[in-house]
Amino acid sequence: MPDDLSETPMFPMARAMGCPFDPPPELSRRGELSPVSRVRLWDGSGAWMVTRHADVRALLADPRVSVDVAEPGFPHTNAVSKARDARMKTLMQMDAPEHIVHRRRLTADFTVRKMEALRPTIQRIVDGLVDDLLAGPNPADLVEAFALPVPSLVICELLGVPYADRGFFQRVAGELVMDEGDPAHALAASEELNAYLERLLEEKNAEPGDDMLSGLAVEQYRTGAMTRQEIATLGQLLLVAGHDTTANMIALGTAALLTHPEQLSAVRDGADHAQVAGVVEELLRYLSITHTEARRVAREDLVIGGRLIRRGEGVIAVKSTANRDPAVFADPDVLDVHRDARHHVAFGYGAHQCLGQSLARVELQVVFGTLFRRVPTLALAVPPQELTFKPDAVFYGVRDLPVTW
C-alpha cells in the first residue's frame, strides 16, 4: 500500500532569507528530530532522507544502493532532472562493474600528483585574472570577472578545449545545471554540447595534443574501447562538473568570507600553504553547494540509522546536514577557518566520490591563497542582504558578486 505523503514535507526545501550559507531550516530541524525520515518529491512520490554524517557515509559506501537513474524508485528531484538524467548516462549514473571500468579510464588523469603539477599553471591563470580585475572597472562583478573564468581556463587547458569557445560552453553549461523551466531546453543544450565535443574529438584524433581529450581519442576512440558519443558524454560531464561546481565555490566562498570579517582576516594574513588548505576544507564543509544532494535507490532491503529501507525505495543522502553534524564538527553552524574539517562529505563518499576533487582543491587553494593577498581591501560593493542566490540550480551559488577594493 503506498505511503500517505500528504503531510510529508517537500524536497528540496527552501533556504531561509537572511541565512544564505546555511542548509534549509526545515531540513536541519527534521535532521535533529528524525535523522532518517520520509520526504515528498515533485511528482508525488516519496523518498527517504538521511541527514547524519555517519549514516550518510554508510549509505554512500553501501553496494546495496544504486545510482542508476533508470531504476524504478530513483528519486528524481524535478522534471528537468529526470529528463536530463534519462538522456545522458555518465559515471555518476553507473553502478559496478560498469562504473569501475569507466572510472579506471580517467583515474590516472586525476591523481593528486598530476593535479599538483598543474598548480603553477593555475597560479598563472589566477594571477592574470587578478591583474585584469585590478585594471578594470571598480566596482566589478567577481562572478563574471573572476569566479567563472578561473575554472573555465583550467578545464579548457586540461581537456584541450579552445578557450575562445568559453562563451559557448558557459552558456550551455548554465542551461544544463538549471533545475527549473522546460526540460527540452536542458536536453537541447546537452545535444548541442555533445555535438561540439564530438567534432572536437575528431580534430584531436587527426592531430593529437597534450591534453585529456587527445588521450581519450588515441587510447579509447582509435582502439574502439569507447565510441565518439561515449567520449563526448564523458567530456560533457568533466566540462560541466569541473566548471560549474568550482565557479560556484569560488563566488560563494568569497561571499562567505567577506561577510565574516574575523575569518577573512585569518585568511588574508595567513600565507602558509597548510593554512590555506585548511580554509578550503572548512569552506567546502560549511557551504556544501550540491543543492539536490546525493540520490540513490535501494537494490535490496537495508537498514540505515535504525530505519528499514525497502528495495526500490529512493534515498537522499543530505551532505549539507552531514557537514553540519554536531557529533562530528563542534559548533557546526559557525564558519571557523581554523578547524580541522577534513572529514566533510562535500565530495561525496565511497566508490562515487568526486573524481575531480584533487583538481578542485588545488584550484580553490590557489584562488583563496591569492585573491585576498593581492587584493587585501576587497569588500562587498552592496549590503549582504542585496546579494541574490541560485536556489533553482543543481549547484547552489551567488548569481553575481559586486565587489570593490
Protein backbone atom coordinates (compact mmCIF):
# COMPACT_ATOMS: atom_id res chain seq x y z
CA MET A 1 0.00 0.00 0.00
CA PRO A 2 1.54 3.38 -0.97
CA ASP A 3 2.53 5.93 1.66
CA ASP A 4 0.18 8.73 2.65
CA LEU A 5 2.53 11.63 1.90
CA SER A 6 0.02 14.44 2.26
CA GLU A 7 1.63 15.72 5.49
CA THR A 8 5.18 14.94 4.40
CA PRO A 9 7.48 17.90 3.60
CA MET A 10 8.60 18.55 0.05
CA PHE A 11 12.21 18.09 -1.06
CA PRO A 12 14.23 20.14 -1.94
CA MET A 13 13.41 22.61 0.83
CA ALA A 14 13.73 26.39 0.81
CA ARG A 15 16.62 28.20 2.45
CA ALA A 16 15.86 30.97 4.94
CA MET A 17 16.01 34.60 3.92
CA GLY A 18 19.00 36.19 5.62
CA CYS A 19 20.79 32.84 6.09
CA PRO A 20 22.00 32.07 2.55
CA PHE A 21 25.00 29.98 3.60
CA ASP A 22 23.03 27.58 5.82
CA PRO A 23 21.02 24.49 4.85
CA PRO A 24 17.25 24.98 4.75
CA PRO A 25 15.94 25.32 8.34
CA GLU A 26 13.29 22.64 7.84
CA LEU A 27 15.99 20.29 6.61
CA SER A 28 18.10 20.92 9.71
CA ARG A 29 15.07 20.65 12.02
CA ARG A 30 14.00 17.33 10.59
CA GLY A 31 17.56 16.10 10.79
CA GLU A 32 17.57 16.78 14.52
CA LEU A 33 14.13 15.24 15.15
CA SER A 34 14.38 12.22 12.86
CA PRO A 35 17.74 11.63 11.15
CA VAL A 36 16.15 9.21 8.66
CA SER A 37 12.69 10.31 7.54
CA ARG A 38 10.31 10.47 4.58
CA VAL A 39 10.02 13.36 2.13
CA ARG A 40 7.75 14.04 -0.84
CA LEU A 41 9.09 14.78 -4.32
CA TRP A 42 7.77 16.94 -7.16
CA ASP A 43 5.84 14.08 -8.82
CA GLY A 44 4.09 12.96 -5.62
CA SER A 45 6.44 10.06 -4.98
CA GLY A 46 8.26 9.58 -1.69
CA ALA A 47 11.87 9.01 -0.70
CA TRP A 48 13.93 8.58 2.43
CA MET A 49 16.10 11.46 3.58
CA VAL A 50 19.31 10.61 5.50
CA THR A 51 20.89 13.53 7.36
CA ARG A 52 23.55 12.40 9.87
CA HIS A 53 27.23 12.25 8.95
CA ALA A 54 27.75 8.59 9.92
CA ASP A 55 24.56 7.47 8.17
CA VAL A 56 25.35 9.45 5.01
CA ARG A 57 28.81 7.88 4.78
CA ALA A 58 27.38 4.41 5.43
CA LEU A 59 24.75 4.90 2.74
CA LEU A 60 27.15 6.24 0.10
CA ALA A 61 29.54 3.34 0.70
CA ASP A 62 26.83 0.66 0.61
CA PRO A 63 26.84 -1.50 -2.56
CA ARG A 64 23.17 -2.30 -1.96
CA VAL A 65 22.14 1.14 -3.22
CA SER A 66 22.24 2.17 -6.86
CA VAL A 67 22.98 5.41 -8.72
CA ASP A 68 21.22 4.15 -11.86
CA VAL A 69 18.62 6.79 -12.71
CA ALA A 70 16.68 4.26 -14.81
CA GLU A 71 15.92 2.11 -11.76
CA PRO A 72 12.26 2.28 -10.64
CA GLY A 73 12.03 4.37 -7.49
CA PHE A 74 15.08 6.55 -8.19
CA PRO A 75 14.38 9.94 -6.53
CA HIS A 76 14.43 12.49 -9.34
CA THR A 77 14.08 15.98 -7.88
CA ASN A 78 12.13 17.55 -10.77
CA ALA A 79 11.08 17.07 -14.39
CA VAL A 80 14.22 18.70 -15.78
CA SER A 81 16.49 16.47 -13.70
CA LYS A 82 14.59 13.35 -14.76
CA ALA A 83 14.73 14.24 -18.45
CA ARG A 84 18.41 15.19 -18.29
CA ASP A 85 19.38 12.03 -16.40
CA ALA A 86 17.48 9.80 -18.82
CA ARG A 87 19.33 11.27 -21.79
CA MET A 88 22.92 11.39 -20.54
CA LYS A 89 24.39 8.39 -18.74
CA THR A 90 27.76 9.20 -17.18
CA LEU A 91 30.00 7.84 -14.44
CA MET A 92 27.60 9.40 -11.94
CA GLN A 93 24.79 7.09 -13.09
CA MET A 94 26.77 3.85 -13.35
CA ASP A 95 26.97 1.01 -10.82
CA ALA A 96 29.74 -1.57 -10.55
CA PRO A 97 31.19 -3.23 -12.53
CA GLU A 98 30.45 -0.76 -15.36
CA HIS A 99 31.38 2.18 -13.14
CA ILE A 100 34.75 0.64 -12.24
CA VAL A 101 35.67 0.13 -15.90
CA HIS A 102 34.79 3.68 -16.94
CA ARG A 103 36.26 5.38 -13.88
CA ARG A 104 39.54 3.48 -14.29
CA ARG A 105 39.99 5.09 -17.73
CA LEU A 106 40.27 8.50 -16.04
CA THR A 107 41.84 7.77 -12.66
CA ALA A 108 45.40 8.29 -13.89
CA ASP A 109 44.48 11.73 -15.26
CA PHE A 110 43.22 12.97 -11.88
CA THR A 111 45.86 11.77 -9.42
CA VAL A 112 46.95 14.12 -6.65
CA ARG A 113 50.43 14.29 -8.24
CA LYS A 114 49.08 15.30 -11.67
CA MET A 115 46.78 17.91 -10.18
CA GLU A 116 49.62 19.33 -8.08
CA ALA A 117 51.69 19.55 -11.25
CA LEU A 118 49.01 21.91 -12.59
CA ARG A 119 49.47 24.31 -9.66
CA PRO A 120 51.92 26.65 -11.50
CA THR A 121 49.54 26.83 -14.48
CA ILE A 122 46.58 27.55 -12.20
CA GLN A 123 48.63 30.17 -10.35
CA ARG A 124 49.44 31.86 -13.66
CA ILE A 125 45.76 31.85 -14.63
CA VAL A 126 44.64 33.28 -11.27
CA ASP A 127 47.34 35.96 -11.25
CA GLY A 128 46.41 37.02 -14.76
CA LEU A 129 42.74 37.33 -13.84
CA VAL A 130 43.58 39.32 -10.71
CA ASP A 131 45.69 41.64 -12.89
CA ASP A 132 42.69 42.10 -15.19
CA LEU A 133 40.37 42.67 -12.24
CA LEU A 134 42.59 45.39 -10.77
CA ALA A 135 42.99 47.06 -14.16
CA GLY A 136 39.26 47.02 -14.87
CA PRO A 137 36.26 48.88 -13.51
CA ASN A 138 35.77 49.30 -9.77
CA PRO A 139 33.33 48.06 -8.53
CA ALA A 140 33.15 44.82 -10.51
CA ASP A 141 31.15 41.60 -10.58
CA LEU A 142 33.54 38.99 -9.20
CA VAL A 143 31.47 36.16 -10.70
CA GLU A 144 31.92 37.44 -14.25
CA ALA A 145 35.44 38.80 -13.83
CA PHE A 146 36.99 36.01 -11.77
CA ALA A 147 34.90 33.10 -10.43
CA LEU A 148 33.69 31.92 -13.85
CA PRO A 149 36.93 32.44 -15.83
CA VAL A 150 39.22 30.61 -13.37
CA PRO A 151 37.69 27.12 -13.76
CA SER A 152 36.88 27.81 -17.42
CA LEU A 153 40.53 28.42 -18.22
CA VAL A 154 41.69 25.48 -16.11
CA ILE A 155 39.26 22.92 -17.54
CA CYS A 156 39.94 24.18 -21.08
CA GLU A 157 43.65 23.64 -20.52
CA LEU A 158 43.13 20.20 -19.03
CA LEU A 159 40.69 18.88 -21.65
CA GLY A 160 42.13 20.68 -24.64
CA VAL A 161 39.05 22.82 -25.33
CA PRO A 162 39.87 26.12 -27.08
CA TYR A 163 39.35 28.92 -24.56
CA ALA A 164 37.95 31.03 -27.40
CA ASP A 165 34.86 28.79 -27.13
CA ARG A 166 34.33 29.55 -23.42
CA GLY A 167 31.27 31.73 -24.08
CA PHE A 168 29.58 28.80 -25.82
CA PHE A 169 30.22 26.21 -23.13
CA GLN A 170 29.47 28.61 -20.26
CA ARG A 171 26.06 29.21 -21.83
CA VAL A 172 25.21 25.55 -22.40
CA ALA A 173 26.65 24.57 -19.00
CA GLY A 174 24.39 27.14 -17.38
CA GLU A 175 21.35 25.70 -19.15
CA LEU A 176 22.31 22.14 -18.19
CA VAL A 177 22.51 22.80 -14.44
CA MET A 178 19.29 24.79 -14.04
CA ASP A 179 16.52 22.74 -12.41
CA GLU A 180 13.56 24.91 -13.41
CA GLY A 181 11.89 25.57 -16.74
CA ASP A 182 11.32 23.42 -19.79
CA PRO A 183 13.18 20.06 -19.80
CA ALA A 184 13.54 20.45 -23.58
CA HIS A 185 15.93 23.38 -23.07
CA ALA A 186 18.30 21.27 -20.96
CA LEU A 187 18.14 18.40 -23.46
CA ALA A 188 18.82 20.74 -26.39
CA ALA A 189 21.82 22.19 -24.53
CA SER A 190 23.13 18.69 -23.84
CA GLU A 191 22.83 17.70 -27.50
CA GLU A 192 24.47 20.95 -28.61
CA LEU A 193 27.43 20.42 -26.29
CA ASN A 194 27.79 16.77 -27.26
CA ALA A 195 27.84 17.66 -30.97
CA TYR A 196 30.56 20.24 -30.29
CA LEU A 197 32.65 17.74 -28.33
CA GLU A 198 32.26 15.05 -31.00
CA ARG A 199 33.63 17.47 -33.60
CA LEU A 200 36.48 18.43 -31.29
CA LEU A 201 37.28 14.76 -30.65
CA GLU A 202 37.65 14.15 -34.39
CA GLU A 203 40.07 17.09 -34.56
CA LYS A 204 42.06 15.66 -31.66
CA ASN A 205 42.10 12.26 -33.32
CA ALA A 206 43.51 13.79 -36.51
CA GLU A 207 46.07 15.94 -34.65
CA PRO A 208 46.51 14.82 -31.02
CA GLY A 209 47.88 17.27 -28.49
CA ASP A 210 48.97 17.02 -24.85
CA ASP A 211 45.51 17.10 -23.30
CA MET A 212 42.86 14.75 -21.93
CA LEU A 213 40.60 14.67 -24.99
CA SER A 214 43.59 13.82 -27.19
CA GLY A 215 44.46 10.99 -24.82
CA LEU A 216 40.92 9.64 -25.00
CA ALA A 217 40.95 9.94 -28.80
CA VAL A 218 44.16 7.94 -29.12
CA GLU A 219 43.70 5.38 -26.33
CA GLN A 220 39.92 4.84 -26.39
CA TYR A 221 38.41 6.06 -29.67
CA ARG A 222 41.02 4.71 -32.07
CA THR A 223 41.07 1.34 -30.32
CA GLY A 224 37.29 1.02 -30.30
CA ALA A 225 37.16 0.88 -26.50
CA MET A 226 34.79 3.88 -26.45
CA THR A 227 32.57 5.39 -29.10
CA ARG A 228 32.70 9.03 -30.13
CA GLN A 229 29.38 9.63 -28.38
CA GLU A 230 30.56 7.99 -25.15
CA ILE A 231 33.67 10.16 -25.05
CA ALA A 232 31.65 13.28 -25.83
CA THR A 233 29.26 12.47 -22.97
CA LEU A 234 32.21 11.93 -20.66
CA GLY A 235 33.73 15.20 -21.83
CA GLN A 236 30.43 16.94 -21.14
CA LEU A 237 30.42 15.65 -17.57
CA LEU A 238 34.00 16.79 -16.99
CA LEU A 239 33.45 20.15 -18.63
CA VAL A 240 30.24 20.99 -16.78
CA ALA A 241 31.13 19.45 -13.42
CA GLY A 242 34.67 20.84 -13.50
CA HIS A 243 33.46 24.29 -14.40
CA ASP A 244 30.18 24.98 -12.60
CA THR A 245 31.00 23.47 -9.21
CA THR A 246 34.28 25.32 -8.80
CA ALA A 247 32.90 28.61 -10.11
CA ASN A 248 30.11 28.48 -7.54
CA MET A 249 32.52 27.56 -4.74
CA ILE A 250 34.81 30.48 -5.60
CA ALA A 251 31.98 33.02 -5.62
CA LEU A 252 30.06 31.61 -2.66
CA GLY A 253 33.23 31.08 -0.62
CA THR A 254 34.33 34.66 -1.29
CA ALA A 255 30.88 35.95 -0.27
CA ALA A 256 31.03 33.91 2.94
CA LEU A 257 34.47 35.26 3.86
CA LEU A 258 33.54 38.85 3.02
CA THR A 259 30.58 38.58 5.41
CA HIS A 260 32.71 37.02 8.20
CA PRO A 261 35.42 39.66 8.84
CA GLU A 262 37.24 37.77 11.60
CA GLN A 263 37.56 34.72 9.36
CA LEU A 264 38.57 36.85 6.40
CA SER A 265 41.43 38.45 8.34
CA ALA A 266 42.80 34.99 9.19
CA VAL A 267 42.71 34.03 5.51
CA ARG A 268 44.20 37.31 4.30
CA ASP A 269 47.04 37.22 6.82
CA GLY A 270 47.84 33.51 6.52
CA ALA A 271 50.39 32.81 3.79
CA ASP A 272 51.16 29.25 4.87
CA HIS A 273 50.03 26.59 2.37
CA ALA A 274 48.68 24.30 5.12
CA GLN A 275 46.57 27.17 6.48
CA VAL A 276 45.09 27.91 3.07
CA ALA A 277 44.36 24.21 2.54
CA GLY A 278 42.54 24.17 5.87
CA VAL A 279 40.48 27.21 4.86
CA VAL A 280 39.39 25.43 1.68
CA GLU A 281 38.29 22.32 3.59
CA GLU A 282 36.25 24.44 6.00
CA LEU A 283 34.57 26.32 3.16
CA LEU A 284 33.73 23.02 1.47
CA ARG A 285 32.22 21.76 4.74
CA TYR A 286 30.36 24.95 5.57
CA LEU A 287 28.85 25.62 2.15
CA SER A 288 28.07 22.18 0.62
CA ILE A 289 26.89 23.56 -2.72
CA THR A 290 25.21 20.45 -4.17
CA HIS A 291 21.62 21.64 -3.77
CA THR A 292 19.93 18.41 -4.89
CA GLU A 293 22.22 16.29 -2.65
CA ALA A 294 23.31 12.69 -3.38
CA ARG A 295 20.46 10.46 -4.56
CA ARG A 296 20.26 6.67 -4.63
CA VAL A 297 17.72 3.84 -4.86
CA ALA A 298 17.80 0.67 -2.76
CA ARG A 299 18.54 -2.51 -4.72
CA GLU A 300 17.63 -4.66 -1.71
CA ASP A 301 16.31 -4.13 1.81
CA LEU A 302 18.73 -2.40 4.15
CA VAL A 303 18.77 -0.62 7.50
CA ILE A 304 20.20 2.90 7.82
CA GLY A 305 20.04 4.83 11.09
CA GLY A 306 17.73 2.21 12.55
CA ARG A 307 15.13 2.57 9.76
CA LEU A 308 14.25 -0.16 7.29
CA ILE A 309 14.57 0.98 3.68
CA ARG A 310 12.98 -1.46 1.29
CA ARG A 311 14.11 -2.48 -2.16
CA GLY A 312 13.00 0.03 -4.80
CA GLU A 313 12.71 2.96 -2.41
CA GLY A 314 14.57 6.18 -3.17
CA VAL A 315 17.12 7.58 -0.72
CA ILE A 316 18.59 11.07 -0.50
CA ALA A 317 21.92 11.44 1.33
CA VAL A 318 21.95 15.03 2.61
CA LYS A 319 25.57 16.17 2.56
CA SER A 320 24.77 19.69 3.76
CA THR A 321 23.40 18.48 7.11
CA ALA A 322 26.03 15.75 7.38
CA ASN A 323 28.63 18.52 7.17
CA ARG A 324 26.84 20.37 9.98
CA ASP A 325 26.57 17.30 12.25
CA PRO A 326 27.50 18.34 15.84
CA ALA A 327 28.62 14.78 16.55
CA VAL A 328 31.50 15.35 14.12
CA PHE A 329 32.05 19.13 14.00
CA ALA A 330 31.89 21.33 17.12
CA ASP A 331 29.70 24.42 16.65
CA PRO A 332 28.91 23.22 13.12
CA ASP A 333 26.92 26.30 12.09
CA VAL A 334 29.95 28.53 12.71
CA LEU A 335 32.41 29.24 9.90
CA ASP A 336 35.78 28.55 11.54
CA VAL A 337 38.76 28.50 9.18
CA HIS A 338 40.98 27.15 11.98
CA ARG A 339 39.04 23.90 12.49
CA ASP A 340 40.02 20.52 11.08
CA ALA A 341 37.23 19.95 8.57
CA ARG A 342 38.83 17.17 6.55
CA HIS A 343 36.08 14.66 7.38
CA HIS A 344 33.44 16.58 5.43
CA VAL A 345 31.49 14.81 2.67
CA ALA A 346 31.25 17.71 0.21
CA PHE A 347 32.86 15.49 -2.44
CA GLY A 348 30.70 12.53 -1.51
CA TYR A 349 31.99 9.24 -0.15
CA GLY A 350 32.59 5.69 -1.34
CA ALA A 351 33.00 4.46 -4.91
CA HIS A 352 31.37 7.55 -6.44
CA GLN A 353 33.39 10.11 -4.53
CA CYS A 354 34.16 13.05 -6.84
CA LEU A 355 36.87 12.10 -9.35
CA GLY A 356 37.99 15.72 -9.74
CA GLN A 357 38.31 16.58 -6.06
CA SER A 358 42.11 16.94 -6.21
CA LEU A 359 41.78 19.42 -9.08
CA ALA A 360 39.09 21.37 -7.22
CA ARG A 361 41.23 21.55 -4.09
CA VAL A 362 44.26 22.90 -5.97
CA GLU A 363 42.13 25.49 -7.78
CA LEU A 364 40.45 26.68 -4.58
CA GLN A 365 43.74 26.77 -2.67
CA VAL A 366 45.34 28.93 -5.33
CA VAL A 367 42.27 31.19 -5.54
CA PHE A 368 41.84 31.84 -1.82
CA GLY A 369 45.58 31.94 -1.22
CA THR A 370 45.98 34.61 -3.91
CA LEU A 371 42.84 36.76 -4.12
CA PHE A 372 42.87 38.28 -0.63
CA ARG A 373 46.66 38.55 -0.52
CA ARG A 374 46.76 40.51 -3.76
CA VAL A 375 43.55 42.46 -3.13
CA PRO A 376 43.64 42.97 0.66
CA THR A 377 40.94 45.67 0.60
CA LEU A 378 38.44 43.53 -1.30
CA ALA A 379 34.93 44.15 0.06
CA LEU A 380 31.31 43.81 -0.96
CA ALA A 381 30.07 46.74 -3.04
CA VAL A 382 26.46 46.17 -1.87
CA PRO A 383 24.93 45.27 1.51
CA PRO A 384 24.97 41.47 2.07
CA GLN A 385 21.16 41.33 2.05
CA GLU A 386 21.14 42.57 -1.56
CA LEU A 387 23.06 39.55 -2.85
CA THR A 388 20.95 37.15 -4.90
CA PHE A 389 21.43 33.39 -4.87
CA LYS A 390 20.58 30.34 -7.03
CA PRO A 391 18.15 28.03 -5.22
CA ASP A 392 16.87 26.69 -8.57
CA ALA A 393 20.15 25.16 -9.77
CA VAL A 394 21.87 21.83 -9.24
CA PHE A 395 24.78 23.70 -7.66
CA TYR A 396 23.89 26.44 -5.21
CA GLY A 397 25.72 29.73 -5.55
CA VAL A 398 25.51 33.51 -5.82
CA ARG A 399 24.22 34.96 -9.10
CA ASP A 400 26.58 37.93 -9.07
CA LEU A 401 29.02 39.32 -6.53
CA PRO A 402 29.58 43.11 -6.73
CA VAL A 403 32.92 43.91 -5.08
CA THR A 404 35.12 46.91 -4.61
CA TRP A 405 38.69 47.45 -3.35
